[in-house]
Amino acid sequence: MPSAFDLINEFLETRSEQVFRLIYRELTPQLYRMALRLSGDEAEAQDAVQETWLRAVSQLDTFKGKSQFKSWLVGILINCCREKFRQQRDVSDIDDVIEIRSVETKIDSIDLENALNKMPYGYKEVLLLHDLEGYKHHEIGEMLGIAEGTSKSQLFNARKAMRKLLLEKV
């Protein structure tokens, strides 16, 4: 199997739908899981993934291979989710958004997912990227446009907030 970088180069040269489908099938499930955790809503997650791919394809020639392609895509995905979050916040108070998400959460969901949906957005991003996706702080910093130290601080605060939210359930 060719590397993602090789597939990207091939797609840039040929614009082959078949090559794009290989890339899409490989990375979309991971993007969707991340979007779902960030948004807390299946429809929003699907929209974010689609928007990510649209942006990625239109900006593909800017990918230089300095980071992994997946990291580049996750960065785009996070920006899409941030924009949606800001739009929601502009429309209503953030507490209303959190309350709606809590009501919409499936009854059989675990408390961790509920707590994650209640966390401040910046904490949630770093926590998901580091603890669930396995990115290093310098990679997170590149994706989010923050310093490595800020990523570490956000993770510390996110874990503290998560513990507090989970203890409230006990």
Protein backbone atom coordinates (compact mmCIF):
# COMPACT_ATOMS: atom_id res chain seq x y z
CA MET A 1 0.00 0.00 0.00
CA PRO A 2 1.49 3.37 -0.97
CA SER A 3 1.99 5.99 1.73
CA ALA A 4 -0.54 8.79 2.19
CA PHE A 5 2.03 11.23 0.82
CA ASP A 6 2.46 9.11 -2.33
CA LEU A 7 -1.31 8.87 -2.74
CA ILE A 8 -1.67 12.64 -2.32
CA ASN A 9 0.98 13.27 -4.96
CA GLU A 10 -0.68 10.81 -7.29
CA PHE A 11 -4.04 12.47 -6.74
CA LEU A 12 -2.56 15.92 -7.38
CA GLU A 13 -1.09 14.70 -10.66
CA THR A 14 -4.02 12.61 -11.92
CA ARG A 15 -7.08 13.84 -10.00
CA SER A 16 -8.09 10.20 -10.04
CA GLU A 17 -11.34 9.48 -8.27
CA GLN A 18 -10.07 6.00 -7.46
CA VAL A 19 -7.02 7.39 -5.64
CA PHE A 20 -9.17 9.88 -3.76
CA ARG A 21 -11.50 7.09 -2.65
CA LEU A 22 -8.53 5.19 -1.19
CA ILE A 23 -7.50 8.23 0.83
CA TYR A 24 -11.10 8.98 1.83
CA ARG A 25 -11.88 5.42 2.97
CA GLU A 26 -8.68 5.23 4.99
CA LEU A 27 -9.11 8.45 6.95
CA THR A 28 -12.83 9.26 7.16
CA PRO A 29 -13.69 6.90 10.05
CA GLN A 30 -11.01 8.51 12.24
CA LEU A 31 -12.15 12.00 11.27
CA TYR A 32 -15.76 11.13 12.02
CA ARG A 33 -14.95 9.79 15.50
CA MET A 34 -13.03 12.96 16.29
CA ALA A 35 -15.81 15.20 14.93
CA LEU A 36 -18.44 13.29 16.90
CA ARG A 37 -16.51 13.73 20.12
CA LEU A 38 -15.96 17.42 19.43
CA SER A 39 -19.53 18.18 18.44
CA GLY A 40 -21.52 15.64 20.44
CA ASP A 41 -23.98 15.38 17.54
CA GLU A 42 -23.97 12.85 14.68
CA ALA A 43 -25.36 15.22 12.04
CA GLU A 44 -22.88 17.96 12.99
CA ALA A 45 -20.05 15.44 12.92
CA GLN A 46 -21.01 14.28 9.43
CA ASP A 47 -21.23 17.89 8.25
CA ALA A 48 -17.83 18.67 9.75
CA VAL A 49 -16.22 15.68 8.04
CA GLN A 50 -17.72 16.63 4.68
CA GLU A 51 -16.58 20.24 5.09
CA THR A 52 -13.12 18.99 6.05
CA TRP A 53 -12.83 16.97 2.85
CA LEU A 54 -14.10 19.85 0.73
CA ARG A 55 -11.53 22.19 2.21
CA ALA A 56 -8.77 19.60 2.07
CA VAL A 57 -9.29 18.89 -1.61
CA SER A 58 -9.37 22.59 -2.46
CA GLN A 59 -6.20 23.20 -0.40
CA LEU A 60 -4.42 19.94 -1.18
CA ASP A 61 -1.64 21.62 -3.10
CA THR A 62 -0.67 23.45 0.12
CA PHE A 63 0.09 20.15 1.90
CA LYS A 64 3.89 19.92 1.89
CA GLY A 65 4.35 16.73 3.89
CA LYS A 66 5.96 18.45 6.89
CA SER A 67 3.43 16.70 9.12
CA GLN A 68 1.41 13.55 8.61
CA PHE A 69 -1.51 13.97 6.22
CA LYS A 70 -3.88 12.76 8.94
CA SER A 71 -2.61 15.52 11.27
CA TRP A 72 -3.17 18.09 8.53
CA LEU A 73 -6.72 16.84 8.04
CA VAL A 74 -7.43 16.82 11.78
CA GLY A 75 -6.30 20.45 11.89
CA ILE A 76 -8.83 21.31 9.19
CA LEU A 77 -11.51 19.29 10.99
CA ILE A 78 -10.88 21.13 14.24
CA ASN A 79 -11.20 24.47 12.46
CA CYS A 80 -14.52 23.35 10.92
CA CYS A 81 -15.81 22.28 14.34
CA ARG A 82 -14.60 25.52 15.93
CA GLU A 83 -16.44 27.57 13.33
CA LYS A 84 -19.65 25.65 13.94
CA PHE A 85 -19.23 26.04 17.68
CA ARG A 86 -18.70 29.80 17.30
CA GLN A 87 -21.80 30.05 15.11
CA GLN A 88 -23.84 28.24 17.75
CA ARG A 89 -22.44 30.45 20.46
CA ASP A 90 -23.32 33.55 18.47
CA VAL A 91 -26.87 32.28 18.13
CA SER A 92 -27.35 31.27 21.75
CA ASP A 93 -25.64 31.25 25.09
CA ILE A 94 -23.09 28.45 25.48
CA ASP A 95 -24.97 27.04 28.49
CA ASP A 96 -28.00 26.56 26.24
CA VAL A 97 -25.87 24.65 23.71
CA ILE A 98 -24.49 22.40 26.45
CA GLU A 99 -27.96 21.84 27.91
CA ILE A 100 -29.36 20.88 24.49
CA ARG A 101 -26.49 18.48 23.88
CA SER A 102 -27.01 16.89 27.28
CA VAL A 103 -30.71 16.32 26.54
CA GLU A 104 -29.91 14.89 23.10
CA THR A 105 -27.27 12.52 24.50
CA LYS A 106 -28.33 8.89 24.22
CA ILE A 107 -29.54 7.30 27.43
CA ASP A 108 -27.04 4.46 27.19
CA SER A 109 -24.07 6.84 26.71
CA ILE A 110 -21.30 6.62 29.22
CA ASP A 111 -20.73 9.42 31.71
CA LEU A 112 -17.39 10.19 30.07
CA GLU A 113 -19.09 11.28 26.85
CA ASN A 114 -21.56 13.43 28.80
CA ALA A 115 -18.74 15.07 30.71
CA LEU A 116 -16.80 15.61 27.50
CA ASN A 117 -19.76 17.45 26.00
CA LYS A 118 -19.85 19.80 29.00
CA MET A 119 -16.16 20.70 28.90
CA PRO A 120 -14.91 24.01 27.52
CA TYR A 121 -14.13 23.59 23.83
CA GLY A 122 -10.37 24.26 24.08
CA TYR A 123 -9.99 21.67 26.82
CA LYS A 124 -11.98 19.15 24.83
CA GLU A 125 -9.78 19.59 21.74
CA VAL A 126 -6.51 19.00 23.55
CA LEU A 127 -7.88 16.14 25.65
CA LEU A 128 -9.20 14.32 22.58
CA LEU A 129 -6.07 14.88 20.53
CA HIS A 130 -3.67 13.85 23.28
CA ASP A 131 -5.43 11.19 25.33
CA LEU A 132 -7.67 9.60 22.72
CA GLU A 133 -5.85 10.15 19.44
CA GLY A 134 -2.31 9.90 20.82
CA TYR A 135 -0.84 13.10 19.40
CA LYS A 136 2.19 14.67 21.10
CA HIS A 137 2.04 18.20 22.50
CA HIS A 138 4.19 19.66 19.70
CA GLU A 139 1.84 18.13 17.11
CA ILE A 140 -1.21 19.48 18.93
CA GLY A 141 0.44 22.88 19.07
CA GLU A 142 0.94 22.83 15.29
CA MET A 143 -2.65 21.71 14.63
CA LEU A 144 -4.26 24.23 16.94
CA GLY A 145 -1.83 27.08 16.42
CA ILE A 146 -0.77 27.19 20.07
CA ALA A 147 2.51 26.77 21.94
CA GLU A 148 3.51 23.34 23.19
CA GLY A 149 3.34 24.64 26.76
CA THR A 150 -0.21 25.86 26.18
CA SER A 151 -1.15 22.39 25.01
CA LYS A 152 0.28 20.90 28.20
CA SER A 153 -1.53 23.47 30.34
CA GLN A 154 -4.82 22.89 28.51
CA LEU A 155 -4.45 19.13 28.99
CA PHE A 156 -3.79 19.55 32.71
CA ASN A 157 -6.85 21.79 33.08
CA ALA A 158 -8.96 19.50 30.88
CA ARG A 159 -8.16 16.47 33.01
CA LYS A 160 -8.94 18.44 36.17
CA ALA A 161 -12.27 19.59 34.70
CA MET A 162 -13.06 16.04 33.56
CA ARG A 163 -12.45 14.67 37.07
CA LYS A 164 -14.72 17.33 38.54
CA LEU A 165 -17.50 16.62 36.02
CA LEU A 166 -17.25 12.87 36.59
CA LEU A 167 -17.27 13.25 40.38
CA GLU A 168 -20.47 15.32 40.14
CA LYS A 169 -22.14 12.21 38.70
CA VAL A 170 -21.20 10.05 41.70
